[in-house]
Amino acid sequence: RGMPAGQTGQFIPLAQTKLFAEDGREIAPGSEEPGLIAAGGAMIPKCYHKDPEKSARTFREIGGKRYAFGGDWAKLAADGTLVLLGRGSACINSAGEKIYTEEVEEVIKTHPAVTDALVVGIPDERFGQRVTAVVATRTADDEVGADLDEYLKERLAGYKRPRVIVRVDAVRRAPNGKPDYKWARTVVLDSQ
């Protein structure tokens, strides 16, 4: 892949691809501010057929140009590279911080005992959501959680580290490899 372990994808955007803050401001390269990836160009549809709500979320006009927002969050590096953070629908909001599940999952999967991981937010009275992880490991060692927590202290900011880690034999994914976050949430809630 050519990326450091634990890093999500990086892409060179097309000229019509922009990064916008939620309020519609275009984000400048190198600002470190996360934003939504927007595809521009002459072929952007006006709407979805008979779905005005989804149309309003996806297709927007900014500065006289039409853009399609797919729901992916990224940062724009100083060199113009888009650094993918993850899907907005999988984003965890904890104590006012946005935590992108894919970023945390990639770091967890760098641990030598971990074969796969999914990260989800579960309701938390104090913080809104709590970061939790479901991990599959190379062995059936249920003590991997403490070791993994120690490992993550050096690699993730405190607010991004899972507060609950549940070990499973295998992480459930769809045949195409897409994560089953609903299953992961159930696993975490059932473990408590």
C-alpha atoms as a PDB file:
ATOM      1  CA  ARG A   1       0.000   0.000   0.000  1.00  0.00           C
ATOM      2  CA  GLY A   2       2.894   2.365   0.528  1.00  0.00           C
ATOM      3  CA  MET A   3       1.351   3.919   3.683  1.00  0.00           C
ATOM      4  CA  PRO A   4       2.598   3.824   7.253  1.00  0.00           C
ATOM      5  CA  ALA A   5       0.883   1.174   9.378  1.00  0.00           C
ATOM      6  CA  GLY A   6      -2.369   2.415  10.835  1.00  0.00           C
ATOM      7  CA  GLN A   7      -2.934   5.123   8.229  1.00  0.00           C
ATOM      8  CA  THR A   8      -6.036   5.391   6.090  1.00  0.00           C
ATOM      9  CA  GLY A   9      -5.990   5.986   2.331  1.00  0.00           C
ATOM     10  CA  GLN A  10      -4.491   9.000   0.631  1.00  0.00           C
ATOM     11  CA  PHE A  11      -5.535  10.240  -2.790  1.00  0.00           C
ATOM     12  CA  ILE A  12      -4.612  12.899  -5.313  1.00  0.00           C
ATOM     13  CA  PRO A  13      -7.956  14.611  -5.968  1.00  0.00           C
ATOM     14  CA  LEU A  14      -9.247  15.576  -9.391  1.00  0.00           C
ATOM     15  CA  ALA A  15      -9.294  19.309 -10.118  1.00  0.00           C
ATOM     16  CA  GLN A  16     -13.075  19.399  -9.519  1.00  0.00           C
ATOM     17  CA  THR A  17     -12.806  17.626  -6.144  1.00  0.00           C
ATOM     18  CA  LYS A  18     -12.977  19.948  -3.148  1.00  0.00           C
ATOM     19  CA  LEU A  19     -13.068  19.671   0.628  1.00  0.00           C
ATOM     20  CA  PHE A  20     -15.743  21.641   2.475  1.00  0.00           C
ATOM     21  CA  ALA A  21     -16.496  22.285   6.145  1.00  0.00           C
ATOM     22  CA  GLU A  22     -20.040  21.476   7.272  1.00  0.00           C
ATOM     23  CA  ASP A  23     -20.922  25.178   6.956  1.00  0.00           C
ATOM     24  CA  GLY A  24     -19.972  25.217   3.238  1.00  0.00           C
ATOM     25  CA  ARG A  25     -16.536  26.877   3.587  1.00  0.00           C
ATOM     26  CA  GLU A  26     -13.849  25.451   1.310  1.00  0.00           C
ATOM     27  CA  ILE A  27     -10.974  24.050   3.388  1.00  0.00           C
ATOM     28  CA  ALA A  28      -7.473  25.171   2.476  1.00  0.00           C
ATOM     29  CA  PRO A  29      -4.639  22.641   2.007  1.00  0.00           C
ATOM     30  CA  GLY A  30      -2.535  22.072   5.122  1.00  0.00           C
ATOM     31  CA  SER A  31      -5.116  23.440   7.582  1.00  0.00           C
ATOM     32  CA  GLU A  32      -5.584  20.072   9.378  1.00  0.00           C
ATOM     33  CA  GLU A  33      -9.327  20.817   9.505  1.00  0.00           C
ATOM     34  CA  PRO A  34     -11.473  17.797   8.639  1.00  0.00           C
ATOM     35  CA  GLY A  35     -14.098  18.277   5.955  1.00  0.00           C
ATOM     36  CA  LEU A  36     -16.463  16.526   3.572  1.00  0.00           C
ATOM     37  CA  ILE A  37     -15.177  15.409   0.170  1.00  0.00           C
ATOM     38  CA  ALA A  38     -17.211  16.911  -2.670  1.00  0.00           C
ATOM     39  CA  ALA A  39     -17.044  15.881  -6.324  1.00  0.00           C
ATOM     40  CA  GLY A  40     -17.676  18.643  -8.833  1.00  0.00           C
ATOM     41  CA  GLY A  41     -17.939  18.775 -12.596  1.00  0.00           C
ATOM     42  CA  ALA A  42     -20.442  18.969 -15.425  1.00  0.00           C
ATOM     43  CA  MET A  43     -22.015  15.536 -14.813  1.00  0.00           C
ATOM     44  CA  ILE A  44     -23.337  16.082 -11.261  1.00  0.00           C
ATOM     45  CA  PRO A  45     -27.070  15.221 -11.129  1.00  0.00           C
ATOM     46  CA  LYS A  46     -29.607  17.694  -9.781  1.00  0.00           C
ATOM     47  CA  CYS A  47     -31.352  15.215  -7.487  1.00  0.00           C
ATOM     48  CA  TYR A  48     -32.384  11.654  -6.688  1.00  0.00           C
ATOM     49  CA  HIS A  49     -35.709  10.654  -8.207  1.00  0.00           C
ATOM     50  CA  LYS A  50     -38.504  11.117  -5.621  1.00  0.00           C
ATOM     51  CA  ASP A  51     -36.086  11.543  -2.696  1.00  0.00           C
ATOM     52  CA  PRO A  52     -35.765  15.253  -1.835  1.00  0.00           C
ATOM     53  CA  GLU A  53     -34.228  14.588   1.590  1.00  0.00           C
ATOM     54  CA  LYS A  54     -31.351  12.474   0.221  1.00  0.00           C
ATOM     55  CA  SER A  55     -30.981  14.927  -2.679  1.00  0.00           C
ATOM     56  CA  ALA A  56     -30.519  17.860  -0.274  1.00  0.00           C
ATOM     57  CA  ARG A  57     -27.847  15.924   1.678  1.00  0.00           C
ATOM     58  CA  THR A  58     -25.961  14.765  -1.409  1.00  0.00           C
ATOM     59  CA  PHE A  59     -26.220  17.509  -4.061  1.00  0.00           C
ATOM     60  CA  ARG A  60     -25.406  21.087  -3.133  1.00  0.00           C
ATOM     61  CA  GLU A  61     -24.525  24.268  -4.970  1.00  0.00           C
ATOM     62  CA  ILE A  62     -21.606  26.212  -3.504  1.00  0.00           C
ATOM     63  CA  GLY A  63     -20.210  29.326  -5.134  1.00  0.00           C
ATOM     64  CA  GLY A  64     -22.361  28.763  -8.214  1.00  0.00           C
ATOM     65  CA  LYS A  65     -21.044  25.208  -8.808  1.00  0.00           C
ATOM     66  CA  ARG A  66     -22.799  21.862  -8.165  1.00  0.00           C
ATOM     67  CA  TYR A  67     -21.126  19.265  -5.960  1.00  0.00           C
ATOM     68  CA  ALA A  68     -21.981  15.735  -4.876  1.00  0.00           C
ATOM     69  CA  PHE A  69     -21.196  14.846  -1.267  1.00  0.00           C
ATOM     70  CA  GLY A  70     -20.775  11.100  -0.721  1.00  0.00           C
ATOM     71  CA  GLY A  71     -20.403  11.316   3.066  1.00  0.00           C
ATOM     72  CA  ASP A  72     -16.630  10.767   3.291  1.00  0.00           C
ATOM     73  CA  TRP A  73     -14.516  12.893   5.613  1.00  0.00           C
ATOM     74  CA  ALA A  74     -10.902  13.813   4.904  1.00  0.00           C
ATOM     75  CA  LYS A  75      -8.152  16.307   5.599  1.00  0.00           C
ATOM     76  CA  LEU A  76      -6.348  18.166   2.830  1.00  0.00           C
ATOM     77  CA  ALA A  77      -2.569  17.936   3.197  1.00  0.00           C
ATOM     78  CA  ALA A  78      -0.361  20.907   2.311  1.00  0.00           C
ATOM     79  CA  ASP A  79       0.595  19.188  -0.980  1.00  0.00           C
ATOM     80  CA  GLY A  80      -3.090  18.859  -1.968  1.00  0.00           C
ATOM     81  CA  THR A  81      -3.382  15.135  -1.110  1.00  0.00           C
ATOM     82  CA  LEU A  82      -6.715  14.047   0.378  1.00  0.00           C
ATOM     83  CA  VAL A  83      -6.154  11.986   3.535  1.00  0.00           C
ATOM     84  CA  LEU A  84      -9.293   9.890   4.025  1.00  0.00           C
ATOM     85  CA  LEU A  85     -10.628   9.864   7.592  1.00  0.00           C
ATOM     86  CA  GLY A  86     -13.771   7.771   7.112  1.00  0.00           C
ATOM     87  CA  ARG A  87     -17.502   7.766   6.486  1.00  0.00           C
ATOM     88  CA  GLY A  88     -19.556  10.358   8.280  1.00  0.00           C
ATOM     89  CA  SER A  89     -22.183   7.720   9.056  1.00  0.00           C
ATOM     90  CA  ALA A  90     -19.574   5.727  11.010  1.00  0.00           C
ATOM     91  CA  CYS A  91     -18.189   8.778  12.827  1.00  0.00           C
ATOM     92  CA  ILE A  92     -18.350   8.674  16.631  1.00  0.00           C
ATOM     93  CA  ASN A  93     -19.098  11.894  18.522  1.00  0.00           C
ATOM     94  CA  SER A  94     -17.619  11.682  22.009  1.00  0.00           C
ATOM     95  CA  ALA A  95     -17.370  14.707  24.314  1.00  0.00           C
ATOM     96  CA  GLY A  96     -17.555  17.032  21.315  1.00  0.00           C
ATOM     97  CA  GLU A  97     -14.780  15.258  19.388  1.00  0.00           C
ATOM     98  CA  LYS A  98     -15.273  13.522  16.037  1.00  0.00           C
ATOM     99  CA  ILE A  99     -13.633  10.100  15.926  1.00  0.00           C
ATOM    100  CA  TYR A 100     -13.375   8.331  12.583  1.00  0.00           C
ATOM    101  CA  THR A 101     -13.773   4.589  13.058  1.00  0.00           C
ATOM    102  CA  GLU A 102     -11.561   3.584  10.122  1.00  0.00           C
ATOM    103  CA  GLU A 103      -8.625   5.532  11.558  1.00  0.00           C
ATOM    104  CA  VAL A 104      -8.905   3.765  14.940  1.00  0.00           C
ATOM    105  CA  GLU A 105      -9.474   0.359  13.277  1.00  0.00           C
ATOM    106  CA  GLU A 106      -6.320   0.709  11.184  1.00  0.00           C
ATOM    107  CA  VAL A 107      -4.205   1.447  14.266  1.00  0.00           C
ATOM    108  CA  ILE A 108      -5.724  -1.475  16.209  1.00  0.00           C
ATOM    109  CA  LYS A 109      -4.946  -3.833  13.304  1.00  0.00           C
ATOM    110  CA  THR A 110      -1.222  -2.984  13.563  1.00  0.00           C
ATOM    111  CA  HIS A 111      -1.076  -4.876  16.891  1.00  0.00           C
ATOM    112  CA  PRO A 112       0.633  -8.229  16.211  1.00  0.00           C
ATOM    113  CA  ALA A 113      -2.110 -10.278  17.955  1.00  0.00           C
ATOM    114  CA  VAL A 114      -5.005  -8.653  16.057  1.00  0.00           C
ATOM    115  CA  THR A 115      -6.308 -10.048  12.758  1.00  0.00           C
ATOM    116  CA  ASP A 116      -9.301  -7.736  12.304  1.00  0.00           C
ATOM    117  CA  ALA A 117     -11.212  -5.025  14.164  1.00  0.00           C
ATOM    118  CA  LEU A 118     -14.340  -2.897  14.032  1.00  0.00           C
ATOM    119  CA  VAL A 119     -14.848   0.252  16.081  1.00  0.00           C
ATOM    120  CA  VAL A 120     -18.293   1.578  17.016  1.00  0.00           C
ATOM    121  CA  GLY A 121     -19.796   4.199  19.263  1.00  0.00           C
ATOM    122  CA  ILE A 122     -22.241   3.114  21.929  1.00  0.00           C
ATOM    123  CA  PRO A 123     -24.455   5.493  23.925  1.00  0.00           C
ATOM    124  CA  ASP A 124     -22.798   7.129  26.918  1.00  0.00           C
ATOM    125  CA  GLU A 125     -24.646   9.479  29.307  1.00  0.00           C
ATOM    126  CA  ARG A 126     -21.585  11.619  30.020  1.00  0.00           C
ATOM    127  CA  PHE A 127     -19.890  11.810  26.601  1.00  0.00           C
ATOM    128  CA  GLY A 128     -22.743  11.162  24.142  1.00  0.00           C
ATOM    129  CA  GLN A 129     -20.969   8.147  22.660  1.00  0.00           C
ATOM    130  CA  ARG A 130     -18.192   5.896  23.917  1.00  0.00           C
ATOM    131  CA  VAL A 131     -15.544   4.438  21.604  1.00  0.00           C
ATOM    132  CA  THR A 132     -15.621   0.632  21.679  1.00  0.00           C
ATOM    133  CA  ALA A 133     -13.885  -2.068  19.655  1.00  0.00           C
ATOM    134  CA  VAL A 134     -14.600  -5.629  18.591  1.00  0.00           C
ATOM    135  CA  VAL A 135     -11.339  -7.415  17.773  1.00  0.00           C
ATOM    136  CA  ALA A 136     -10.466 -10.792  16.326  1.00  0.00           C
ATOM    137  CA  THR A 137      -7.115 -12.139  17.484  1.00  0.00           C
ATOM    138  CA  ARG A 138      -4.672 -14.802  16.329  1.00  0.00           C
ATOM    139  CA  THR A 139      -5.250 -16.790  19.538  1.00  0.00           C
ATOM    140  CA  ALA A 140      -8.219 -17.188  21.899  1.00  0.00           C
ATOM    141  CA  ASP A 141      -6.434 -15.109  24.565  1.00  0.00           C
ATOM    142  CA  ASP A 142      -9.098 -13.034  26.308  1.00  0.00           C
ATOM    143  CA  GLU A 143      -6.361 -10.980  28.018  1.00  0.00           C
ATOM    144  CA  VAL A 144      -5.401  -9.252  24.748  1.00  0.00           C
ATOM    145  CA  GLY A 145      -7.580  -6.271  25.756  1.00  0.00           C
ATOM    146  CA  ALA A 146      -5.205  -4.988  28.447  1.00  0.00           C
ATOM    147  CA  ASP A 147      -2.175  -5.439  26.184  1.00  0.00           C
ATOM    148  CA  LEU A 148      -3.980  -3.724  23.309  1.00  0.00           C
ATOM    149  CA  ASP A 149      -4.990  -0.793  25.521  1.00  0.00           C
ATOM    150  CA  GLU A 150      -1.354  -0.288  26.553  1.00  0.00           C
ATOM    151  CA  TYR A 151      -0.258  -0.572  22.899  1.00  0.00           C
ATOM    152  CA  LEU A 152      -2.809   2.053  21.790  1.00  0.00           C
ATOM    153  CA  LYS A 153      -1.703   4.581  24.451  1.00  0.00           C
ATOM    154  CA  GLU A 154       1.426   5.238  22.369  1.00  0.00           C
ATOM    155  CA  ARG A 155      -0.415   5.371  19.045  1.00  0.00           C
ATOM    156  CA  LEU A 156      -3.765   7.131  19.546  1.00  0.00           C
ATOM    157  CA  ALA A 157      -4.950  10.253  21.337  1.00  0.00           C
ATOM    158  CA  GLY A 158      -6.740   9.412  24.580  1.00  0.00           C
ATOM    159  CA  TYR A 159     -10.180  10.408  23.305  1.00  0.00           C
ATOM    160  CA  LYS A 160      -9.822   8.022  20.320  1.00  0.00           C
ATOM    161  CA  ARG A 161      -8.857   4.923  22.353  1.00  0.00           C
ATOM    162  CA  PRO A 162     -11.595   2.319  22.874  1.00  0.00           C
ATOM    163  CA  ARG A 163     -12.971   2.258  26.417  1.00  0.00           C
ATOM    164  CA  VAL A 164     -14.334  -1.252  25.870  1.00  0.00           C
ATOM    165  CA  ILE A 165     -12.572  -3.978  23.867  1.00  0.00           C
ATOM    166  CA  VAL A 166     -14.455  -7.203  23.126  1.00  0.00           C
ATOM    167  CA  ARG A 167     -12.529 -10.183  21.707  1.00  0.00           C
ATOM    168  CA  VAL A 168     -14.271 -12.402  19.143  1.00  0.00           C
ATOM    169  CA  ASP A 169     -13.151 -15.360  17.041  1.00  0.00           C
ATOM    170  CA  ALA A 170     -13.937 -13.521  13.796  1.00  0.00           C
ATOM    171  CA  VAL A 171     -15.176 -10.065  12.833  1.00  0.00           C
ATOM    172  CA  ARG A 172     -18.344 -10.246  10.760  1.00  0.00           C
ATOM    173  CA  ARG A 173     -18.175  -8.636   7.331  1.00  0.00           C
ATOM    174  CA  ALA A 174     -20.371  -8.758   4.226  1.00  0.00           C
ATOM    175  CA  PRO A 175     -19.169 -10.941   1.323  1.00  0.00           C
ATOM    176  CA  ASN A 176     -17.713  -7.818  -0.314  1.00  0.00           C
ATOM    177  CA  GLY A 177     -15.643  -7.082   2.819  1.00  0.00           C
ATOM    178  CA  LYS A 178     -17.780  -4.199   4.099  1.00  0.00           C
ATOM    179  CA  PRO A 179     -17.903  -3.990   7.890  1.00  0.00           C
ATOM    180  CA  ASP A 180     -21.037  -5.042   9.755  1.00  0.00           C
ATOM    181  CA  TYR A 181     -21.207  -2.217  12.301  1.00  0.00           C
ATOM    182  CA  LYS A 182     -24.702  -3.204  13.455  1.00  0.00           C
ATOM    183  CA  TRP A 183     -23.366  -6.653  14.438  1.00  0.00           C
ATOM    184  CA  ALA A 184     -20.353  -5.080  16.200  1.00  0.00           C
ATOM    185  CA  ARG A 185     -22.623  -2.754  18.209  1.00  0.00           C
ATOM    186  CA  THR A 186     -24.741  -5.747  19.281  1.00  0.00           C
ATOM    187  CA  VAL A 187     -21.624  -7.694  20.327  1.00  0.00           C
ATOM    188  CA  VAL A 188     -20.442  -4.814  22.501  1.00  0.00           C
ATOM    189  CA  LEU A 189     -23.840  -4.192  24.096  1.00  0.00           C
ATOM    190  CA  ASP A 190     -24.340  -7.922  24.770  1.00  0.00           C
ATOM    191  CA  SER A 191     -20.936  -8.099  26.513  1.00  0.00           C
ATOM    192  CA  GLN A 192     -21.849  -5.494  29.113  1.00  0.00           C
END
